[in-house]
Amino acid sequence: MHDNPPRTSTPDALPEVITRYLKAHRAHDTATAITAFTREATVIDDGNTYEGTGAIGEWLDRSATEFNYTIHLTGAQQTDATRYIATHHLEGNFPGGAIDLRYRFTLRDGLIERLVIEP
């Protein structure tokens, strides 16, 4: 049994490091986005795992040019002291045309240590 159930919060209540990453990602600013991650961070997206800031930077660059899409932050939740979920709605020229994705962040020492993106 959980003593601390997840707390729904407003998107503007997300930690600064998460909002910095999300804003930079939307702007296709890989240099700024990568500063939000620990050096040994892991990102899991679309069944692929990217480890370390070099691989994450390559993933960010590729994802910025692979499809055209809009992204809107629709919700936020804190699941414990270091874990947050940011829910986004995407629409664009990717297969299916629209999807809601959960960005599951784990923080360590004020930076993103793990990011899992999934429906």
N, C-alpha and C. Protein backbone atom coordinates (compact mmCIF):
# COMPACT_ATOMS: atom_id res chain seq x y z
N MET A 1 0.84 -1.18 0.00
CA MET A 1 0.00 0.00 0.00
C MET A 1 0.88 1.24 0.00
N HIS A 2 0.50 2.23 -0.81
CA HIS A 2 1.30 3.45 -0.93
C HIS A 2 0.87 4.46 0.12
N ASP A 3 1.84 5.02 0.82
CA ASP A 3 1.55 6.06 1.78
C ASP A 3 1.36 7.41 1.11
N ASN A 4 2.01 7.58 -0.03
CA ASN A 4 1.94 8.85 -0.75
C ASN A 4 1.44 8.60 -2.17
N PRO A 5 0.13 8.69 -2.40
CA PRO A 5 -0.38 8.48 -3.76
C PRO A 5 0.09 9.60 -4.68
N PRO A 6 0.10 9.35 -6.00
CA PRO A 6 0.51 10.39 -6.95
C PRO A 6 -0.33 11.66 -6.76
N ARG A 7 0.33 12.79 -6.92
CA ARG A 7 -0.36 14.07 -6.81
C ARG A 7 -0.46 14.71 -8.18
N THR A 8 -1.67 15.04 -8.57
CA THR A 8 -1.87 15.78 -9.81
C THR A 8 -1.54 17.24 -9.51
N SER A 9 -0.83 17.86 -10.43
CA SER A 9 -0.48 19.26 -10.25
C SER A 9 -0.60 19.96 -11.59
N THR A 10 -0.46 21.25 -11.54
CA THR A 10 -0.52 22.01 -12.77
C THR A 10 0.81 21.89 -13.49
N PRO A 11 0.79 21.96 -14.83
CA PRO A 11 2.04 21.86 -15.58
C PRO A 11 3.09 22.87 -15.15
N ASP A 12 2.66 24.05 -14.70
CA ASP A 12 3.65 25.05 -14.29
C ASP A 12 4.29 24.72 -12.94
N ALA A 13 3.82 23.66 -12.27
CA ALA A 13 4.41 23.24 -11.00
C ALA A 13 5.52 22.20 -11.19
N LEU A 14 5.81 21.83 -12.43
CA LEU A 14 6.90 20.89 -12.70
C LEU A 14 8.23 21.53 -12.32
N PRO A 15 9.21 20.73 -11.92
CA PRO A 15 10.53 21.29 -11.60
C PRO A 15 11.14 22.04 -12.80
N GLU A 16 11.96 23.02 -12.50
CA GLU A 16 12.57 23.85 -13.53
C GLU A 16 13.32 23.02 -14.56
N VAL A 17 14.03 21.98 -14.14
CA VAL A 17 14.82 21.19 -15.08
C VAL A 17 13.93 20.50 -16.11
N ILE A 18 12.75 20.08 -15.71
CA ILE A 18 11.82 19.44 -16.64
C ILE A 18 11.25 20.48 -17.60
N THR A 19 10.84 21.63 -17.09
CA THR A 19 10.29 22.65 -17.99
C THR A 19 11.36 23.18 -18.94
N ARG A 20 12.61 23.27 -18.46
CA ARG A 20 13.72 23.69 -19.35
C ARG A 20 13.88 22.69 -20.49
N TYR A 21 13.91 21.39 -20.15
CA TYR A 21 14.03 20.36 -21.19
C TYR A 21 12.86 20.44 -22.17
N LEU A 22 11.63 20.49 -21.66
CA LEU A 22 10.45 20.49 -22.53
C LEU A 22 10.43 21.70 -23.46
N LYS A 23 10.76 22.86 -22.93
CA LYS A 23 10.78 24.08 -23.74
C LYS A 23 11.86 23.99 -24.82
N ALA A 24 13.05 23.52 -24.45
CA ALA A 24 14.14 23.39 -25.42
C ALA A 24 13.81 22.33 -26.47
N HIS A 25 13.19 21.23 -26.05
CA HIS A 25 12.82 20.18 -27.00
C HIS A 25 11.82 20.70 -28.02
N ARG A 26 10.81 21.43 -27.55
CA ARG A 26 9.82 22.02 -28.48
C ARG A 26 10.47 22.99 -29.45
N ALA A 27 11.49 23.70 -29.00
CA ALA A 27 12.18 24.69 -29.83
C ALA A 27 13.28 24.07 -30.69
N HIS A 28 13.46 22.74 -30.60
CA HIS A 28 14.53 22.02 -31.31
C HIS A 28 15.91 22.56 -30.94
N ASP A 29 16.06 22.93 -29.67
CA ASP A 29 17.31 23.46 -29.13
C ASP A 29 18.03 22.34 -28.37
N THR A 30 18.72 21.48 -29.11
CA THR A 30 19.37 20.32 -28.51
C THR A 30 20.42 20.74 -27.48
N ALA A 31 21.18 21.78 -27.75
CA ALA A 31 22.24 22.20 -26.82
C ALA A 31 21.67 22.53 -25.44
N THR A 32 20.54 23.22 -25.39
CA THR A 32 19.92 23.54 -24.11
C THR A 32 19.25 22.32 -23.51
N ALA A 33 18.55 21.54 -24.33
CA ALA A 33 17.84 20.36 -23.83
C ALA A 33 18.80 19.39 -23.14
N ILE A 34 19.96 19.19 -23.71
CA ILE A 34 20.91 18.21 -23.18
C ILE A 34 21.45 18.63 -21.81
N THR A 35 21.42 19.93 -21.51
CA THR A 35 21.91 20.39 -20.19
C THR A 35 21.00 19.96 -19.06
N ALA A 36 19.80 19.48 -19.38
CA ALA A 36 18.87 19.04 -18.35
C ALA A 36 19.15 17.62 -17.86
N PHE A 37 20.03 16.89 -18.55
CA PHE A 37 20.29 15.48 -18.26
C PHE A 37 21.61 15.27 -17.52
N THR A 38 21.64 14.22 -16.69
CA THR A 38 22.93 13.79 -16.12
C THR A 38 23.76 13.20 -17.27
N ARG A 39 25.06 13.12 -17.10
CA ARG A 39 25.92 12.58 -18.17
C ARG A 39 25.58 11.14 -18.52
N GLU A 40 25.15 10.36 -17.53
CA GLU A 40 24.86 8.95 -17.78
C GLU A 40 23.35 8.68 -17.88
N ALA A 41 22.58 9.70 -18.19
CA ALA A 41 21.12 9.57 -18.28
C ALA A 41 20.70 8.54 -19.34
N THR A 42 19.47 8.07 -19.18
CA THR A 42 18.87 7.12 -20.12
C THR A 42 17.54 7.68 -20.60
N VAL A 43 17.30 7.58 -21.91
CA VAL A 43 16.00 7.92 -22.50
C VAL A 43 15.49 6.68 -23.22
N ILE A 44 14.24 6.35 -22.99
CA ILE A 44 13.58 5.25 -23.71
C ILE A 44 12.41 5.86 -24.46
N ASP A 45 12.43 5.71 -25.77
CA ASP A 45 11.39 6.28 -26.63
C ASP A 45 11.14 5.34 -27.80
N ASP A 46 9.89 5.04 -28.03
CA ASP A 46 9.48 4.23 -29.18
C ASP A 46 10.24 2.90 -29.24
N GLY A 47 10.45 2.30 -28.06
CA GLY A 47 11.11 1.00 -28.00
C GLY A 47 12.62 1.04 -28.09
N ASN A 48 13.21 2.22 -28.18
CA ASN A 48 14.66 2.36 -28.29
C ASN A 48 15.21 3.00 -27.02
N THR A 49 16.42 2.58 -26.64
CA THR A 49 17.08 3.10 -25.44
C THR A 49 18.31 3.90 -25.86
N TYR A 50 18.44 5.08 -25.30
CA TYR A 50 19.58 5.97 -25.57
C TYR A 50 20.26 6.25 -24.23
N GLU A 51 21.54 5.91 -24.14
CA GLU A 51 22.27 6.06 -22.89
C GLU A 51 23.40 7.06 -23.05
N GLY A 52 23.47 8.00 -22.13
CA GLY A 52 24.50 9.03 -22.15
C GLY A 52 24.08 10.24 -22.97
N THR A 53 24.68 11.36 -22.66
CA THR A 53 24.26 12.61 -23.32
C THR A 53 24.58 12.63 -24.81
N GLY A 54 25.61 11.92 -25.26
CA GLY A 54 25.90 11.87 -26.69
C GLY A 54 24.78 11.20 -27.46
N ALA A 55 24.35 10.04 -27.00
CA ALA A 55 23.26 9.31 -27.66
C ALA A 55 21.95 10.07 -27.54
N ILE A 56 21.72 10.71 -26.39
CA ILE A 56 20.49 11.47 -26.20
C ILE A 56 20.48 12.68 -27.14
N GLY A 57 21.62 13.34 -27.31
CA GLY A 57 21.70 14.46 -28.24
C GLY A 57 21.39 14.04 -29.67
N GLU A 58 21.91 12.89 -30.08
CA GLU A 58 21.61 12.38 -31.43
C GLU A 58 20.12 12.07 -31.58
N TRP A 59 19.52 11.48 -30.55
CA TRP A 59 18.08 11.20 -30.56
C TRP A 59 17.29 12.50 -30.67
N LEU A 60 17.66 13.51 -29.90
CA LEU A 60 16.96 14.80 -29.96
C LEU A 60 17.06 15.42 -31.34
N ASP A 61 18.25 15.40 -31.94
CA ASP A 61 18.42 15.97 -33.28
C ASP A 61 17.57 15.22 -34.30
N ARG A 62 17.55 13.89 -34.23
CA ARG A 62 16.78 13.09 -35.17
C ARG A 62 15.28 13.31 -34.98
N SER A 63 14.82 13.33 -33.73
CA SER A 63 13.39 13.48 -33.48
C SER A 63 12.90 14.87 -33.90
N ALA A 64 13.79 15.84 -33.91
CA ALA A 64 13.41 17.20 -34.32
C ALA A 64 13.17 17.30 -35.82
N THR A 65 13.74 16.38 -36.60
CA THR A 65 13.62 16.49 -38.05
C THR A 65 12.84 15.35 -38.70
N GLU A 66 12.55 14.29 -37.94
CA GLU A 66 11.90 13.12 -38.51
C GLU A 66 10.45 13.39 -38.93
N PHE A 67 9.70 14.13 -38.10
CA PHE A 67 8.31 14.45 -38.38
C PHE A 67 8.04 15.90 -38.01
N ASN A 68 7.00 16.46 -38.60
CA ASN A 68 6.51 17.77 -38.19
C ASN A 68 5.31 17.53 -37.29
N TYR A 69 5.29 18.19 -36.13
CA TYR A 69 4.19 17.99 -35.20
C TYR A 69 4.08 19.16 -34.24
N THR A 70 2.90 19.26 -33.65
CA THR A 70 2.70 20.19 -32.55
C THR A 70 2.61 19.37 -31.28
N ILE A 71 3.01 19.97 -30.18
CA ILE A 71 2.99 19.28 -28.89
C ILE A 71 2.44 20.23 -27.84
N HIS A 72 1.48 19.73 -27.07
CA HIS A 72 0.87 20.54 -26.02
C HIS A 72 0.89 19.77 -24.71
N LEU A 73 1.41 20.39 -23.68
CA LEU A 73 1.42 19.82 -22.34
C LEU A 73 0.00 19.89 -21.80
N THR A 74 -0.57 18.72 -21.48
CA THR A 74 -1.97 18.68 -21.05
C THR A 74 -2.15 18.32 -19.58
N GLY A 75 -1.09 17.83 -18.92
CA GLY A 75 -1.21 17.49 -17.51
C GLY A 75 0.13 17.18 -16.89
N ALA A 76 0.15 17.19 -15.57
CA ALA A 76 1.39 16.91 -14.84
C ALA A 76 1.04 16.20 -13.54
N GLN A 77 1.95 15.35 -13.12
CA GLN A 77 1.74 14.58 -11.90
C GLN A 77 3.09 14.31 -11.25
N GLN A 78 3.14 14.41 -9.93
CA GLN A 78 4.32 14.01 -9.18
C GLN A 78 4.00 12.69 -8.51
N THR A 79 4.80 11.64 -8.79
CA THR A 79 4.50 10.32 -8.24
C THR A 79 5.27 10.02 -6.97
N ASP A 80 6.42 10.65 -6.79
CA ASP A 80 7.15 10.61 -5.52
C ASP A 80 8.16 11.75 -5.53
N ALA A 81 9.11 11.73 -4.61
CA ALA A 81 10.02 12.87 -4.45
C ALA A 81 10.87 13.15 -5.68
N THR A 82 11.14 12.14 -6.52
CA THR A 82 12.02 12.33 -7.67
C THR A 82 11.38 11.97 -9.01
N ARG A 83 10.12 11.60 -9.02
CA ARG A 83 9.48 11.13 -10.26
C ARG A 83 8.27 11.99 -10.62
N TYR A 84 8.22 12.34 -11.90
CA TYR A 84 7.16 13.19 -12.42
C TYR A 84 6.67 12.63 -13.75
N ILE A 85 5.41 12.88 -14.06
CA ILE A 85 4.85 12.52 -15.35
C ILE A 85 4.28 13.79 -15.98
N ALA A 86 4.69 14.05 -17.20
CA ALA A 86 4.14 15.17 -17.98
C ALA A 86 3.42 14.56 -19.17
N THR A 87 2.12 14.80 -19.28
CA THR A 87 1.33 14.24 -20.36
C THR A 87 1.21 15.26 -21.48
N HIS A 88 1.46 14.79 -22.71
CA HIS A 88 1.44 15.67 -23.88
C HIS A 88 0.50 15.11 -24.95
N HIS A 89 -0.10 16.03 -25.70
CA HIS A 89 -0.87 15.66 -26.87
C HIS A 89 -0.08 16.12 -28.09
N LEU A 90 0.20 15.18 -29.00
CA LEU A 90 0.94 15.48 -30.22
C LEU A 90 0.04 15.28 -31.43
N GLU A 91 0.14 16.18 -32.40
CA GLU A 91 -0.53 16.03 -33.69
C GLU A 91 0.47 16.38 -34.77
N GLY A 92 0.50 15.54 -35.84
CA GLY A 92 1.45 15.81 -36.90
C GLY A 92 1.40 14.80 -38.01
N ASN A 93 2.47 14.74 -38.79
CA ASN A 93 2.53 13.88 -39.98
C ASN A 93 3.19 12.53 -39.69
N PHE A 94 3.13 12.07 -38.46
CA PHE A 94 3.63 10.75 -38.09
C PHE A 94 2.49 9.74 -38.23
N PRO A 95 2.80 8.44 -38.27
CA PRO A 95 1.74 7.44 -38.40
C PRO A 95 0.68 7.59 -37.31
N GLY A 96 -0.57 7.65 -37.70
CA GLY A 96 -1.67 7.83 -36.76
C GLY A 96 -2.10 9.28 -36.62
N GLY A 97 -1.19 10.21 -36.82
CA GLY A 97 -1.51 11.64 -36.85
C GLY A 97 -1.73 12.32 -35.52
N ALA A 98 -2.10 11.58 -34.47
CA ALA A 98 -2.32 12.18 -33.15
C ALA A 98 -2.09 11.11 -32.08
N ILE A 99 -1.53 11.54 -30.96
CA ILE A 99 -1.27 10.61 -29.86
C ILE A 99 -1.10 11.40 -28.56
N ASP A 100 -1.48 10.77 -27.48
CA ASP A 100 -1.18 11.30 -26.15
C ASP A 100 -0.04 10.48 -25.58
N LEU A 101 1.01 11.16 -25.13
CA LEU A 101 2.20 10.49 -24.60
C LEU A 101 2.47 10.94 -23.18
N ARG A 102 2.94 10.00 -22.37
CA ARG A 102 3.38 10.31 -21.01
C ARG A 102 4.91 10.34 -21.02
N TYR A 103 5.45 11.44 -20.55
CA TYR A 103 6.89 11.58 -20.37
C TYR A 103 7.15 11.33 -18.88
N ARG A 104 7.75 10.19 -18.57
CA ARG A 104 8.01 9.81 -17.18
C ARG A 104 9.45 10.17 -16.84
N PHE A 105 9.61 11.17 -15.98
CA PHE A 105 10.92 11.68 -15.59
C PHE A 105 11.34 11.14 -14.23
N THR A 106 12.61 10.77 -14.11
CA THR A 106 13.23 10.49 -12.82
C THR A 106 14.40 11.46 -12.68
N LEU A 107 14.41 12.19 -11.57
CA LEU A 107 15.45 13.19 -11.34
C LEU A 107 16.48 12.69 -10.34
N ARG A 108 17.70 13.19 -10.51
CA ARG A 108 18.77 12.93 -9.55
C ARG A 108 19.66 14.16 -9.51
N ASP A 109 19.91 14.67 -8.33
CA ASP A 109 20.77 15.84 -8.15
C ASP A 109 20.34 17.01 -9.03
N GLY A 110 19.04 17.22 -9.16
CA GLY A 110 18.52 18.36 -9.90
C GLY A 110 18.54 18.22 -11.41
N LEU A 111 18.86 17.02 -11.92
CA LEU A 111 18.88 16.79 -13.36
C LEU A 111 18.06 15.55 -13.70
N ILE A 112 17.76 15.38 -14.99
CA ILE A 112 17.01 14.22 -15.44
C ILE A 112 17.96 13.04 -15.56
N GLU A 113 17.66 11.99 -14.82
CA GLU A 113 18.47 10.77 -14.87
C GLU A 113 17.85 9.74 -15.83
N ARG A 114 16.51 9.78 -15.94
CA ARG A 114 15.81 8.82 -16.78
C ARG A 114 14.55 9.47 -17.33
N LEU A 115 14.29 9.23 -18.59
CA LEU A 115 13.07 9.70 -19.25
C LEU A 115 12.52 8.53 -20.07
N VAL A 116 11.28 8.17 -19.80
CA VAL A 116 10.60 7.14 -20.56
C VAL A 116 9.38 7.78 -21.20
N ILE A 117 9.30 7.69 -22.54
CA ILE A 117 8.19 8.27 -23.28
C ILE A 117 7.34 7.13 -23.82
N GLU A 118 6.05 7.13 -23.46
CA GLU A 118 5.16 6.05 -23.86
C GLU A 118 3.71 6.50 -23.91
N PRO A 119 2.90 5.80 -24.70
CA PRO A 119 1.46 6.14 -24.74
C PRO A 119 0.78 5.89 -23.39
